[in-house]
Each structure stands twice: as C-alpha cells, then as structure tokens.
PDB file of N, CA and C in Angstrom:
ATOM      1  N   MET A   1     102.050 117.619  93.699  1.00  0.00           N
ATOM      2  CA  MET A   1     101.851 118.686  93.039  1.00  0.00           C
ATOM      3  C   MET A   1     100.395 118.131  92.712  1.00  0.00           C
ATOM      4  N   ARG A   2      99.730 119.010  92.423  1.00  0.00           N
ATOM      5  CA  ARG A   2      98.676 118.236  91.094  1.00  0.00           C
ATOM      6  C   ARG A   2      99.029 117.657  90.212  1.00  0.00           C
ATOM      7  N   GLY A   3      97.977 116.401  90.212  1.00  0.00           N
ATOM      8  CA  GLY A   3      98.097 115.727  89.565  1.00  0.00           C
ATOM      9  C   GLY A   3      99.293 114.816  89.130  1.00  0.00           C
ATOM     10  N   GLY A   4     100.407 114.943  90.025  1.00  0.00           N
ATOM     11  CA  GLY A   4     101.279 113.593  90.565  1.00  0.00           C
ATOM     12  C   GLY A   4     101.227 112.968  91.258  1.00  0.00           C
ATOM     13  N   SER A   5     101.517 111.987  90.953  1.00  0.00           N
ATOM     14  CA  SER A   5     101.656 110.317  91.463  1.00  0.00           C
ATOM     15  C   SER A   5     101.156 110.409  93.340  1.00  0.00           C
ATOM     16  N   VAL A   6     101.967 111.335  94.347  1.00  0.00           N
ATOM     17  CA  VAL A   6     101.705 111.153  95.763  1.00  0.00           C
ATOM     18  C   VAL A   6     100.709 112.498  95.957  1.00  0.00           C
ATOM     19  N   HIS A   7      99.880 113.039  94.682  1.00  0.00           N
ATOM     20  CA  HIS A   7      99.126 114.391  95.205  1.00  0.00           C
ATOM     21  C   HIS A   7      97.880 113.699  96.021  1.00  0.00           C
ATOM     22  N   HIS A   8      97.690 112.514  96.464  1.00  0.00           N
ATOM     23  CA  HIS A   8      96.354 112.250  96.756  1.00  0.00           C
ATOM     24  C   HIS A   8      96.361 112.385  97.989  1.00  0.00           C
ATOM     25  N   SER A   9      98.076 112.242  98.774  1.00  0.00           N
ATOM     26  CA  SER A   9      98.112 112.417 100.022  1.00  0.00           C
ATOM     27  C   SER A   9      97.701 113.739 100.760  1.00  0.00           C
ATOM     28  N   ILE A  10      97.781 114.879  99.893  1.00  0.00           N
ATOM     29  CA  ILE A  10      97.711 116.230 100.090  1.00  0.00           C
ATOM     30  C   ILE A  10      96.248 116.988  99.389  1.00  0.00           C
ATOM     31  N   ALA A  11      95.572 116.036  98.863  1.00  0.00           N
ATOM     32  CA  ALA A  11      94.604 116.692  97.694  1.00  0.00           C
ATOM     33  C   ALA A  11      93.221 117.235  98.308  1.00  0.00           C
ATOM     34  N   GLY A  12      92.985 116.532  99.751  1.00  0.00           N
ATOM     35  CA  GLY A  12      91.948 117.293 100.683  1.00  0.00           C
ATOM     36  C   GLY A  12      92.387 118.368 101.314  1.00  0.00           C
ATOM     37  N   HIS A  13      93.918 119.273 101.055  1.00  0.00           N
ATOM     38  CA  HIS A  13      93.650 120.275 102.050  1.00  0.00           C
ATOM     39  C   HIS A  13      94.438 121.306 101.084  1.00  0.00           C
ATOM     40  N   ARG A  14      94.088 122.536 101.698  1.00  0.00           N
ATOM     41  CA  ARG A  14      93.450 124.144 101.093  1.00  0.00           C
ATOM     42  C   ARG A  14      94.886 124.202 100.582  1.00  0.00           C
ATOM     43  N   PHE A  15      94.873 124.517  99.170  1.00  0.00           N
ATOM     44  CA  PHE A  15      95.730 124.739  98.380  1.00  0.00           C
ATOM     45  C   PHE A  15      95.976 126.562  98.525  1.00  0.00           C
ATOM     46  N   LEU A  16      97.301 126.769  98.940  1.00  0.00           N
ATOM     47  CA  LEU A  16      97.639 128.447  99.149  1.00  0.00           C
ATOM     48  C   LEU A  16      97.762 128.666  97.551  1.00  0.00           C
ATOM     49  N   GLY A  17      98.477 128.401  96.496  1.00  0.00           N
ATOM     50  CA  GLY A  17      98.977 128.768  95.544  1.00  0.00           C
ATOM     51  C   GLY A  17      99.984 128.398  94.819  1.00  0.00           C
ATOM     52  N   GLU A  18     100.379 128.985  93.862  1.00  0.00           N
ATOM     53  CA  GLU A  18     101.865 128.729  93.209  1.00  0.00           C
ATOM     54  C   GLU A  18     102.977 129.901  94.060  1.00  0.00           C
ATOM     55  N   VAL A  19     104.182 129.080  94.173  1.00  0.00           N
ATOM     56  CA  VAL A  19     105.258 129.715  94.276  1.00  0.00           C
ATOM     57  C   VAL A  19     106.861 129.449  93.355  1.00  0.00           C
ATOM     58  N   THR A  20     107.194 130.109  94.253  1.00  0.00           N
ATOM     59  CA  THR A  20     108.553 129.955  93.409  1.00  0.00           C
ATOM     60  C   THR A  20     109.346 130.436  94.624  1.00  0.00           C
ATOM     61  N   THR A  21     110.666 129.299  94.885  1.00  0.00           N
ATOM     62  CA  THR A  21     111.616 129.084  95.703  1.00  0.00           C
ATOM     63  C   THR A  21     112.556 130.457  95.271  1.00  0.00           C
ATOM     64  N   ALA A  22     113.175 130.677  96.282  1.00  0.00           N
ATOM     65  CA  ALA A  22     114.688 131.402  96.348  1.00  0.00           C
ATOM     66  C   ALA A  22     115.392 130.767  95.301  1.00  0.00           C
ATOM     67  N   PRO A  23     116.390 131.817  94.737  1.00  0.00           N
ATOM     68  CA  PRO A  23     117.490 130.901  93.612  1.00  0.00           C
ATOM     69  C   PRO A  23     118.788 130.282  94.199  1.00  0.00           C
ATOM     70  N   ARG A  24     118.371 129.603  95.201  1.00  0.00           N
ATOM     71  CA  ARG A  24     118.841 129.071  95.783  1.00  0.00           C
ATOM     72  C   ARG A  24     119.353 127.072  95.696  1.00  0.00           C
ATOM     73  N   TYR A  25     118.304 126.968  94.816  1.00  0.00           N
ATOM     74  CA  TYR A  25     118.535 125.046  94.776  1.00  0.00           C
ATOM     75  C   TYR A  25     118.808 124.819  93.316  1.00  0.00           C
ATOM     76  N   ARG A  26     119.619 123.697  93.279  1.00  0.00           N
ATOM     77  CA  ARG A  26     119.165 122.777  91.527  1.00  0.00           C
ATOM     78  C   ARG A  26     117.773 122.101  91.861  1.00  0.00           C
ATOM     79  N   PHE A  27     117.584 121.585  90.725  1.00  0.00           N
ATOM     80  CA  PHE A  27     116.461 120.733  90.879  1.00  0.00           C
ATOM     81  C   PHE A  27     116.471 119.719  90.101  1.00  0.00           C
ATOM     82  N   TYR A  28     116.275 118.666  90.816  1.00  0.00           N
ATOM     83  CA  TYR A  28     116.564 116.944  90.135  1.00  0.00           C
ATOM     84  C   TYR A  28     115.366 116.116  89.916  1.00  0.00           C
ATOM     85  N   SER A  29     115.308 115.069  88.933  1.00  0.00           N
ATOM     86  CA  SER A  29     114.396 114.212  88.566  1.00  0.00           C
ATOM     87  C   SER A  29     115.293 113.215  88.992  1.00  0.00           C
ATOM     88  N   VAL A  30     114.195 112.201  89.881  1.00  0.00           N
ATOM     89  CA  VAL A  30     114.858 111.035  90.624  1.00  0.00           C
ATOM     90  C   VAL A  30     113.868 110.153  89.690  1.00  0.00           C
ATOM     91  N   GLY A  31     114.788 109.193  89.157  1.00  0.00           N
ATOM     92  CA  GLY A  31     114.466 108.322  87.524  1.00  0.00           C
ATOM     93  C   GLY A  31     113.164 108.971  86.846  1.00  0.00           C
ATOM     94  N   ASP A  32     113.021 110.106  86.840  1.00  0.00           N
ATOM     95  CA  ASP A  32     111.927 110.442  86.071  1.00  0.00           C
ATOM     96  C   ASP A  32     110.823 110.585  86.447  1.00  0.00           C
ATOM     97  N   ARG A  33     110.462 110.235  88.006  1.00  0.00           N
ATOM     98  CA  ARG A  33     109.587 109.863  88.631  1.00  0.00           C
ATOM     99  C   ARG A  33     108.773 110.637  89.828  1.00  0.00           C
ATOM    100  N   PHE A  34     110.107 111.327  90.447  1.00  0.00           N
ATOM    101  CA  PHE A  34     109.726 112.438  91.539  1.00  0.00           C
ATOM    102  C   PHE A  34     110.718 113.655  91.634  1.00  0.00           C
ATOM    103  N   PRO A  35     110.146 114.657  91.782  1.00  0.00           N
ATOM    104  CA  PRO A  35     110.915 115.636  92.045  1.00  0.00           C
ATOM    105  C   PRO A  35     111.716 116.342  92.804  1.00  0.00           C
ATOM    106  N   ALA A  36     113.192 116.700  92.987  1.00  0.00           N
ATOM    107  CA  ALA A  36     113.330 117.052  94.274  1.00  0.00           C
ATOM    108  C   ALA A  36     114.500 118.442  94.263  1.00  0.00           C
ATOM    109  N   LEU A  37     114.169 119.022  95.224  1.00  0.00           N
ATOM    110  CA  LEU A  37     115.739 120.328  95.533  1.00  0.00           C
ATOM    111  C   LEU A  37     116.538 119.691  95.983  1.00  0.00           C
ATOM    112  N   TRP A  38     117.602 120.743  95.565  1.00  0.00           N
ATOM    113  CA  TRP A  38     119.128 120.353  95.979  1.00  0.00           C
ATOM    114  C   TRP A  38     119.731 121.775  96.427  1.00  0.00           C
ATOM    115  N   PRO A  39     119.660 122.190  98.047  1.00  0.00           N
ATOM    116  CA  PRO A  39     120.735 123.757  97.815  1.00  0.00           C
ATOM    117  C   PRO A  39     121.948 123.414  97.991  1.00  0.00           C
ATOM    118  N   VAL A  40     121.628 124.759  97.245  1.00  0.00           N
ATOM    119  CA  VAL A  40     123.437 125.027  96.852  1.00  0.00           C
ATOM    120  C   VAL A  40     123.796 126.484  97.200  1.00  0.00           C
ATOM    121  N   THR A  41     125.614 126.996  97.043  1.00  0.00           N
ATOM    122  CA  THR A  41     125.614 128.398  97.324  1.00  0.00           C
ATOM    123  C   THR A  41     125.985 129.062  95.802  1.00  0.00           C
ATOM    124  N   ASP A  42     126.179 127.993  95.523  1.00  0.00           N
ATOM    125  CA  ASP A  42     126.377 128.901  93.863  1.00  0.00           C
ATOM    126  C   ASP A  42     125.410 128.085  92.803  1.00  0.00           C
ATOM    127  N   ASP A  43     125.298 128.852  91.791  1.00  0.00           N
ATOM    128  CA  ASP A  43     124.254 128.667  90.736  1.00  0.00           C
ATOM    129  C   ASP A  43     123.182 127.947  91.256  1.00  0.00           C
ATOM    130  N   GLY A  44     122.525 128.910  91.668  1.00  0.00           N
ATOM    131  CA  GLY A  44     120.897 128.349  92.082  1.00  0.00           C
ATOM    132  C   GLY A  44     120.424 128.805  91.206  1.00  0.00           C
ATOM    133  N   ARG A  45     118.921 128.065  90.949  1.00  0.00           N
ATOM    134  CA  ARG A  45     117.926 128.189  90.382  1.00  0.00           C
ATOM    135  C   ARG A  45     116.569 128.592  91.136  1.00  0.00           C
ATOM    136  N   SER A  46     115.504 129.486  90.946  1.00  0.00           N
ATOM    137  CA  SER A  46     114.228 129.730  91.730  1.00  0.00           C
ATOM    138  C   SER A  46     113.617 128.624  90.517  1.00  0.00           C
ATOM    139  N   VAL A  47     113.083 127.857  91.520  1.00  0.00           N
ATOM    140  CA  VAL A  47     111.952 126.619  90.907  1.00  0.00           C
ATOM    141  C   VAL A  47     110.195 126.805  91.451  1.00  0.00           C
ATOM    142  N   PRO A  48     109.450 126.616  90.273  1.00  0.00           N
ATOM    143  CA  PRO A  48     108.245 126.720  90.711  1.00  0.00           C
ATOM    144  C   PRO A  48     107.635 125.842  91.245  1.00  0.00           C
ATOM    145  N   GLY A  49     106.582 125.811  92.373  1.00  0.00           N
ATOM    146  CA  GLY A  49     106.259 125.036  92.936  1.00  0.00           C
ATOM    147  C   GLY A  49     105.001 125.060  93.461  1.00  0.00           C
ATOM    148  N   GLU A  50     103.883 124.607  94.421  1.00  0.00           N
ATOM    149  CA  GLU A  50     102.814 124.492  94.471  1.00  0.00           C
ATOM    150  C   GLU A  50     102.782 124.790  96.541  1.00  0.00           C
ATOM    151  N   LEU A  51     101.906 125.519  96.957  1.00  0.00           N
ATOM    152  CA  LEU A  51     101.837 125.548  98.709  1.00  0.00           C
ATOM    153  C   LEU A  51     100.638 125.052  98.965  1.00  0.00           C
ATOM    154  N   TYR A  52     101.058 123.898 100.132  1.00  0.00           N
ATOM    155  CA  TYR A  52      99.522 123.460 100.718  1.00  0.00           C
ATOM    156  C   TYR A  52      99.155 123.820 101.914  1.00  0.00           C
ATOM    157  N   ASP A  53      98.252 124.418 102.625  1.00  0.00           N
ATOM    158  CA  ASP A  53      98.322 124.031 103.984  1.00  0.00           C
ATOM    159  C   ASP A  53      97.685 122.604 104.778  1.00  0.00           C
ATOM    160  N   VAL A  54      98.529 121.817 105.182  1.00  0.00           N
ATOM    161  CA  VAL A  54      98.811 120.272 105.609  1.00  0.00           C
ATOM    162  C   VAL A  54      98.884 120.406 106.495  1.00  0.00           C
ATOM    163  N   PRO A  55      97.919 119.965 107.579  1.00  0.00           N
ATOM    164  CA  PRO A  55      98.574 119.252 108.738  1.00  0.00           C
ATOM    165  C   PRO A  55      99.926 118.241 109.190  1.00  0.00           C
ATOM    166  N   LEU A  56     100.952 118.767 110.139  1.00  0.00           N
ATOM    167  CA  LEU A  56     102.045 117.954 110.013  1.00  0.00           C
ATOM    168  C   LEU A  56     101.431 116.442 110.260  1.00  0.00           C
ATOM    169  N   GLU A  57     100.336 115.995 111.021  1.00  0.00           N
ATOM    170  CA  GLU A  57     100.563 114.361 111.039  1.00  0.00           C
ATOM    171  C   GLU A  57      99.930 113.945 109.595  1.00  0.00           C
ATOM    172  N   VAL A  58      99.650 114.758 108.563  1.00  0.00           N
ATOM    173  CA  VAL A  58      99.026 114.324 107.558  1.00  0.00           C
ATOM    174  C   VAL A  58     100.481 114.101 106.710  1.00  0.00           C
ATOM    175  N   ILE A  59     101.257 115.053 106.765  1.00  0.00           N
ATOM    176  CA  ILE A  59     102.678 114.730 106.278  1.00  0.00           C
ATOM    177  C   ILE A  59     103.489 113.344 106.972  1.00  0.00           C
ATOM    178  N   ARG A  60     103.116 113.581 107.991  1.00  0.00           N
ATOM    179  CA  ARG A  60     104.054 112.004 108.635  1.00  0.00           C
ATOM    180  C   ARG A  60     103.075 110.671 108.509  1.00  0.00           C
ATOM    181  N   ASP A  61     102.022 110.733 108.562  1.00  0.00           N
ATOM    182  CA  ASP A  61     101.171 109.685 108.018  1.00  0.00           C
ATOM    183  C   ASP A  61     101.110 109.158 106.671  1.00  0.00           C
ATOM    184  N   ALA A  62     100.753 110.208 105.807  1.00  0.00           N
ATOM    185  CA  ALA A  62     100.310 110.014 104.410  1.00  0.00           C
ATOM    186  C   ALA A  62     101.361 110.183 103.413  1.00  0.00           C
ATOM    187  N   PHE A  63     102.089 111.480 103.791  1.00  0.00           N
ATOM    188  CA  PHE A  63     102.998 112.423 102.437  1.00  0.00           C
ATOM    189  C   PHE A  63     104.129 111.861 102.791  1.00  0.00           C
ATOM    190  N   ILE A  64     105.163 111.356 103.675  1.00  0.00           N
ATOM    191  CA  ILE A  64     105.905 111.299 103.411  1.00  0.00           C
ATOM    192  C   ILE A  64     105.805 109.424 103.673  1.00  0.00           C
ATOM    193  N   PRO A  65     105.300 108.209 104.052  1.00  0.00           N
ATOM    194  CA  PRO A  65     105.591 107.081 103.448  1.00  0.00           C
ATOM    195  C   PRO A  65     105.131 106.614 101.729  1.00  0.00           C
ATOM    196  N   SER A  66     104.687 107.729 101.284  1.00  0.00           N
ATOM    197  CA  SER A  66     104.370 107.976 100.249  1.00  0.00           C
ATOM    198  C   SER A  66     105.668 108.359  99.559  1.00  0.00           C
ATOM    199  N   GLU A  67     106.953 109.060  99.495  1.00  0.00           N
ATOM    200  CA  GLU A  67     108.138 109.410  98.752  1.00  0.00           C
ATOM    201  C   GLU A  67     109.065 108.324  98.817  1.00  0.00           C
ATOM    202  N   PRO A  68     109.832 108.554  97.956  1.00  0.00           N
ATOM    203  CA  PRO A  68     111.141 107.345  97.774  1.00  0.00           C
ATOM    204  C   PRO A  68     111.808 107.338  98.772  1.00  0.00           C
ATOM    205  N   PRO A  69     112.790 106.617  98.716  1.00  0.00           N
ATOM    206  CA  PRO A  69     113.862 106.402 100.070  1.00  0.00           C
ATOM    207  C   PRO A  69     115.079 107.431  99.697  1.00  0.00           C
ATOM    208  N   GLU A  70     114.712 108.081  98.398  1.00  0.00           N
ATOM    209  CA  GLU A  70     115.968 109.271  98.160  1.00  0.00           C
ATOM    210  C   GLU A  70     115.635 110.338  98.389  1.00  0.00           C
ATOM    211  N   LEU A  71     114.268 110.505  98.640  1.00  0.00           N
ATOM    212  CA  LEU A  71     113.712 112.137  98.984  1.00  0.00           C
ATOM    213  C   LEU A  71     113.894 112.299 101.122  1.00  0.00           C
ATOM    214  N   GLU A  72     114.015 113.435 101.351  1.00  0.00           N
ATOM    215  CA  GLU A  72     113.262 113.564 102.403  1.00  0.00           C
ATOM    216  C   GLU A  72     112.669 115.394 102.547  1.00  0.00           C
ATOM    217  N   LEU A  73     111.972 115.160 103.509  1.00  0.00           N
ATOM    218  CA  LEU A  73     111.407 116.875 103.617  1.00  0.00           C
ATOM    219  C   LEU A  73     112.493 117.417 104.670  1.00  0.00           C
ATOM    220  N   GLY A  74     112.429 119.007 103.918  1.00  0.00           N
ATOM    221  CA  GLY A  74     113.374 119.815 104.440  1.00  0.00           C
ATOM    222  C   GLY A  74     112.803 121.148 104.653  1.00  0.00           C
ATOM    223  N   VAL A  75     113.144 122.379 105.273  1.00  0.00           N
ATOM    224  CA  VAL A  75     113.097 123.459 105.307  1.00  0.00           C
ATOM    225  C   VAL A  75     113.696 124.140 103.853  1.00  0.00           C
ATOM    226  N   ILE A  76     113.063 124.845 103.077  1.00  0.00           N
ATOM    227  CA  ILE A  76     113.519 125.558 101.907  1.00  0.00           C
ATOM    228  C   ILE A  76     113.142 126.909 102.618  1.00  0.00           C
ATOM    229  N   GLU A  77     113.728 127.630 101.551  1.00  0.00           N
ATOM    230  CA  GLU A  77     113.457 129.564 101.325  1.00  0.00           C
ATOM    231  C   GLU A  77     112.588 129.564 100.002  1.00  0.00           C
ATOM    232  N   LEU A  78     111.611 130.255 100.394  1.00  0.00           N
ATOM    233  CA  LEU A  78     111.021 130.568  98.942  1.00  0.00           C
ATOM    234  C   LEU A  78     111.073 132.017  98.246  1.00  0.00           C
ATOM    235  N   HIS A  79     110.909 132.468  97.149  1.00  0.00           N
ATOM    236  CA  HIS A  79     111.191 133.617  96.697  1.00  0.00           C
ATOM    237  C   HIS A  79     111.165 135.436  97.777  1.00  0.00           C
ATOM    238  N   ASP A  80     109.755 135.336  98.449  1.00  0.00           N
ATOM    239  CA  ASP A  80     109.663 135.993  99.057  1.00  0.00           C
ATOM    240  C   ASP A  80     110.296 136.333 100.346  1.00  0.00           C
ATOM    241  N   GLY A  81     110.996 135.282 100.563  1.00  0.00           N
ATOM    242  CA  GLY A  81     111.765 135.285 101.855  1.00  0.00           C
ATOM    243  C   GLY A  81     111.101 134.228 102.712  1.00  0.00           C
ATOM    244  N   SER A  82     110.117 133.950 102.769  1.00  0.00           N
ATOM    245  CA  SER A  82     109.430 132.745 103.956  1.00  0.00           C
ATOM    246  C   SER A  82     109.823 131.504 103.305  1.00  0.00           C
ATOM    247  N   ALA A  83     109.496 130.871 104.878  1.00  0.00           N
ATOM    248  CA  ALA A  83     109.958 129.285 104.677  1.00  0.00           C
ATOM    249  C   ALA A  83     108.655 128.605 104.241  1.00  0.00           C
ATOM    250  N   ALA A  84     109.276 127.453 103.872  1.00  0.00           N
ATOM    251  CA  ALA A  84     108.293 126.051 103.369  1.00  0.00           C
ATOM    252  C   ALA A  84     108.822 124.999 104.026  1.00  0.00           C
ATOM    253  N   LEU A  85     107.992 123.535 103.987  1.00  0.00           N
ATOM    254  CA  LEU A  85     108.384 122.695 103.703  1.00  0.00           C
ATOM    255  C   LEU A  85     108.474 121.989 102.574  1.00  0.00           C
ATOM    256  N   ALA A  86     109.443 121.094 102.203  1.00  0.00           N
ATOM    257  CA  ALA A  86     109.823 120.812 100.538  1.00  0.00           C
ATOM    258  C   ALA A  86     110.556 119.484 100.815  1.00  0.00           C
ATOM    259  N   VAL A  87     110.502 119.126  99.491  1.00  0.00           N
ATOM    260  CA  VAL A  87     110.843 117.820  99.161  1.00  0.00           C
ATOM    261  C   VAL A  87     112.295 117.972  98.720  1.00  0.00           C
ATOM    262  N   LEU A  88     113.378 117.487  99.259  1.00  0.00           N
ATOM    263  CA  LEU A  88     114.751 117.605  99.101  1.00  0.00           C
ATOM    264  C   LEU A  88     115.072 116.011  98.724  1.00  0.00           C
ATOM    265  N   LEU A  89     116.368 116.170  98.159  1.00  0.00           N
ATOM    266  CA  LEU A  89     117.106 115.159  97.888  1.00  0.00           C
ATOM    267  C   LEU A  89     117.961 114.644  99.055  1.00  0.00           C
ATOM    268  N   ARG A  90     118.184 113.476  99.303  1.00  0.00           N
ATOM    269  CA  ARG A  90     119.050 112.931 100.755  1.00  0.00           C
ATOM    270  C   ARG A  90     120.594 113.326  99.757  1.00  0.00           C
ATOM    271  N   PRO A  91     120.924 113.843 101.080  1.00  0.00           N
ATOM    272  CA  PRO A  91     122.836 113.508 100.158  1.00  0.00           C
ATOM    273  C   PRO A  91     123.271 112.772  99.825  1.00  0.00           C
ATOM    274  N   GLU A  92     122.916 111.284  99.933  1.00  0.00           N
ATOM    275  CA  GLU A  92     123.177 109.954  99.742  1.00  0.00           C
ATOM    276  C   GLU A  92     123.173 109.636  98.293  1.00  0.00           C
ATOM    277  N   ALA A  93     121.978 110.063  98.228  1.00  0.00           N
ATOM    278  CA  ALA A  93     121.454 109.829  96.792  1.00  0.00           C
ATOM    279  C   ALA A  93     121.902 111.080  95.530  1.00  0.00           C
ATOM    280  N   HIS A  94     122.889 112.180  95.850  1.00  0.00           N
ATOM    281  CA  HIS A  94     123.053 112.791  95.084  1.00  0.00           C
ATOM    282  C   HIS A  94     124.219 112.681  94.063  1.00  0.00           C
ATOM    283  N   GLY A  95     123.866 112.797  92.734  1.00  0.00           N
ATOM    284  CA  GLY A  95     125.023 112.071  92.137  1.00  0.00           C
ATOM    285  C   GLY A  95     124.959 110.536  91.497  1.00  0.00           C
ATOM    286  N   SER A  96     123.938 109.879  92.210  1.00  0.00           N
ATOM    287  CA  SER A  96     123.345 108.865  92.107  1.00  0.00           C
ATOM    288  C   SER A  96     123.242 108.751  90.305  1.00  0.00           C
ATOM    289  N   PRO A  97     123.401 107.536  89.394  1.00  0.00           N
ATOM    290  CA  PRO A  97     123.029 107.687  88.008  1.00  0.00           C
ATOM    291  C   PRO A  97     121.026 107.990  87.974  1.00  0.00           C
ATOM    292  N   GLU A  98     120.332 107.703  89.013  1.00  0.00           N
ATOM    293  CA  GLU A  98     119.278 107.660  88.435  1.00  0.00           C
ATOM    294  C   GLU A  98     118.829 109.141  88.702  1.00  0.00           C
ATOM    295  N   MET A  99     120.041 110.514  89.072  1.00  0.00           N
ATOM    296  CA  MET A  99     119.172 111.726  89.341  1.00  0.00           C
ATOM    297  C   MET A  99     119.592 112.432  88.052  1.00  0.00           C
ATOM    298  N   ALA A 100     119.087 113.502  87.824  1.00  0.00           N
ATOM    299  CA  ALA A 100     119.582 114.085  86.555  1.00  0.00           C
ATOM    300  C   ALA A 100     118.710 115.363  86.952  1.00  0.00           C
ATOM    301  N   ASP A 101     120.076 116.275  86.787  1.00  0.00           N
ATOM    302  CA  ASP A 101     119.643 117.788  86.892  1.00  0.00           C
ATOM    303  C   ASP A 101     119.054 118.320  85.995  1.00  0.00           C
ATOM    304  N   ILE A 102     117.566 118.632  86.404  1.00  0.00           N
ATOM    305  CA  ILE A 102     116.495 119.335  85.554  1.00  0.00           C
ATOM    306  C   ILE A 102     116.205 120.682  85.572  1.00  0.00           C
ATOM    307  N   SER A 103     117.295 121.520  86.190  1.00  0.00           N
ATOM    308  CA  SER A 103     117.329 123.209  86.577  1.00  0.00           C
ATOM    309  C   SER A 103     116.681 123.984  85.701  1.00  0.00           C
ATOM    310  N   GLU A 104     117.067 123.947  84.461  1.00  0.00           N
ATOM    311  CA  GLU A 104     116.793 124.526  83.346  1.00  0.00           C
ATOM    312  C   GLU A 104     115.802 124.391  82.805  1.00  0.00           C
ATOM    313  N   SER A 105     115.054 123.190  83.225  1.00  0.00           N
ATOM    314  CA  SER A 105     113.665 123.018  82.562  1.00  0.00           C
ATOM    315  C   SER A 105     112.023 123.750  82.970  1.00  0.00           C
ATOM    316  N   GLY A 106     112.544 124.661  83.743  1.00  0.00           N
ATOM    317  CA  GLY A 106     111.146 125.247  84.064  1.00  0.00           C
ATOM    318  C   GLY A 106     110.130 124.554  84.804  1.00  0.00           C
ATOM    319  N   GLY A 107     110.752 123.867  85.560  1.00  0.00           N
ATOM    320  CA  GLY A 107     110.070 123.230  86.538  1.00  0.00           C
ATOM    321  C   GLY A 107     109.530 121.544  86.179  1.00  0.00           C
ATOM    322  N   TRP A 108     108.665 121.561  87.350  1.00  0.00           N
ATOM    323  CA  TRP A 108     108.362 119.817  87.257  1.00  0.00           C
ATOM    324  C   TRP A 108     107.444 119.448  85.877  1.00  0.00           C
ATOM    325  N   ARG A 109     106.591 120.322  86.144  1.00  0.00           N
ATOM    326  CA  ARG A 109     105.534 120.377  84.852  1.00  0.00           C
ATOM    327  C   ARG A 109     106.176 120.553  83.615  1.00  0.00           C
ATOM    328  N   ALA A 110     106.704 121.419  83.293  1.00  0.00           N
ATOM    329  CA  ALA A 110     107.855 121.559  81.996  1.00  0.00           C
ATOM    330  C   ALA A 110     108.372 120.584  81.544  1.00  0.00           C
ATOM    331  N   HIS A 111     108.874 119.703  82.547  1.00  0.00           N
ATOM    332  CA  HIS A 111     109.892 119.102  82.495  1.00  0.00           C
ATOM    333  C   HIS A 111     109.154 117.387  82.362  1.00  0.00           C
ATOM    334  N   ARG A 112     108.128 117.212  83.158  1.00  0.00           N
ATOM    335  CA  ARG A 112     107.269 116.329  82.821  1.00  0.00           C
ATOM    336  C   ARG A 112     106.876 116.434  80.970  1.00  0.00           C
ATOM    337  N   ALA A 113     106.104 117.879  80.762  1.00  0.00           N
ATOM    338  CA  ALA A 113     105.755 117.648  79.262  1.00  0.00           C
ATOM    339  C   ALA A 113     106.628 117.429  78.685  1.00  0.00           C
ATOM    340  N   ARG A 114     107.758 117.714  78.680  1.00  0.00           N
ATOM    341  CA  ARG A 114     108.825 117.530  77.396  1.00  0.00           C
ATOM    342  C   ARG A 114     109.047 115.867  77.666  1.00  0.00           C
ATOM    343  N   SER A 115     109.328 115.054  78.603  1.00  0.00           N
ATOM    344  CA  SER A 115     108.979 114.006  79.012  1.00  0.00           C
ATOM    345  C   SER A 115     108.460 112.797  78.057  1.00  0.00           C
ATOM    346  N   ALA A 116     106.872 113.003  78.308  1.00  0.00           N
ATOM    347  CA  ALA A 116     105.985 113.034  77.965  1.00  0.00           C
ATOM    348  C   ALA A 116     106.306 112.864  76.492  1.00  0.00           C
ATOM    349  N   THR A 117     106.204 113.953  75.579  1.00  0.00           N
ATOM    350  CA  THR A 117     106.191 113.943  74.254  1.00  0.00           C
ATOM    351  C   THR A 117     107.459 113.507  73.806  1.00  0.00           C
ATOM    352  N   SER A 118     108.284 112.861  74.156  1.00  0.00           N
ATOM    353  CA  SER A 118     109.775 112.337  74.060  1.00  0.00           C
ATOM    354  C   SER A 118     109.893 110.925  74.254  1.00  0.00           C
ATOM    355  N   GLY A 119     108.619 110.461  75.060  1.00  0.00           N
ATOM    356  CA  GLY A 119     108.238 108.867  75.233  1.00  0.00           C
ATOM    357  C   GLY A 119     108.633 108.582  76.459  1.00  0.00           C
ATOM    358  N   GLY A 120     109.376 109.782  77.693  1.00  0.00           N
ATOM    359  CA  GLY A 120     109.711 109.250  78.789  1.00  0.00           C
ATOM    360  C   GLY A 120     108.977 109.455  80.037  1.00  0.00           C
ATOM    361  N   GLY A 121     109.014 108.708  81.099  1.00  0.00           N
ATOM    362  CA  GLY A 121     108.439 109.033  82.468  1.00  0.00           C
ATOM    363  C   GLY A 121     107.359 108.516  82.596  1.00  0.00           C
ATOM    364  N   ASP A 122     106.230 108.610  83.493  1.00  0.00           N
ATOM    365  CA  ASP A 122     105.127 108.052  83.439  1.00  0.00           C
ATOM    366  C   ASP A 122     104.347 108.861  85.020  1.00  0.00           C
ATOM    367  N   GLU A 123     104.182 109.849  85.474  1.00  0.00           N
ATOM    368  CA  GLU A 123     103.236 110.348  86.332  1.00  0.00           C
ATOM    369  C   GLU A 123     103.035 111.776  85.252  1.00  0.00           C
TER     370      GLU A 123
END
C-alpha cells in the first residue's frame, strides 16, 4: 500500500486503482506493522485496498521476501467478482496474541491513522 513499509518493492509498477474485496474476509493487523486478510464463510467484511500490475518475478524476488513469516500470498475475490493476489494471514498465525482483528476499522489507512493518534504503530 502506498506509504507502507514494503511499498518500495512494488512502487515502480503501475498502480491500477483502489479496490475493495468481496465481503468474505476478516482484516487483521499483525503486531500493528502489517495488514492481512483472513478468508471466512460467515461475518466477512469488504476491505479496501490497492491494485497494482506487478510481474510475478518482482513478487517472488522483492515483495514476498519483505513480508513477515506470519503472512503468505493468496488469491482473493474483489467486490466486482474478479480475482487478485493479496496478502493473507497464515493459518498457523491466526489466533496468536500478535494478531488483532481490525475488520471494523475501515481499512489499513484508517487503522494506522487511529493508531498514530493514540501513540501506537510504526508504519
């Protein structure tokens, strides 16, 4: 996401626009450092994000190595029914104390803005 700590790994690639997921996900903060989606069958939310045109080689060589071990890349459904790659929470990380469900936050930027005004977070 623009302004995020690993944005440098995709910054040189074409920004396609802001998007929203289908309402099939919960949204998590990983130690207030990284966002992650968690697929659910019930009580999902639409989560805002950004879409980029990034070659798979860049994702493999630059983006994935920058992500923490709690996260993985997966295919998600966008609000319009199309598919995209996104950062997901690994199953073994779900439920750990470092994870906070921020699905009601309005997205990562809104969550970060609230964290900054309350003195939390570093991104």
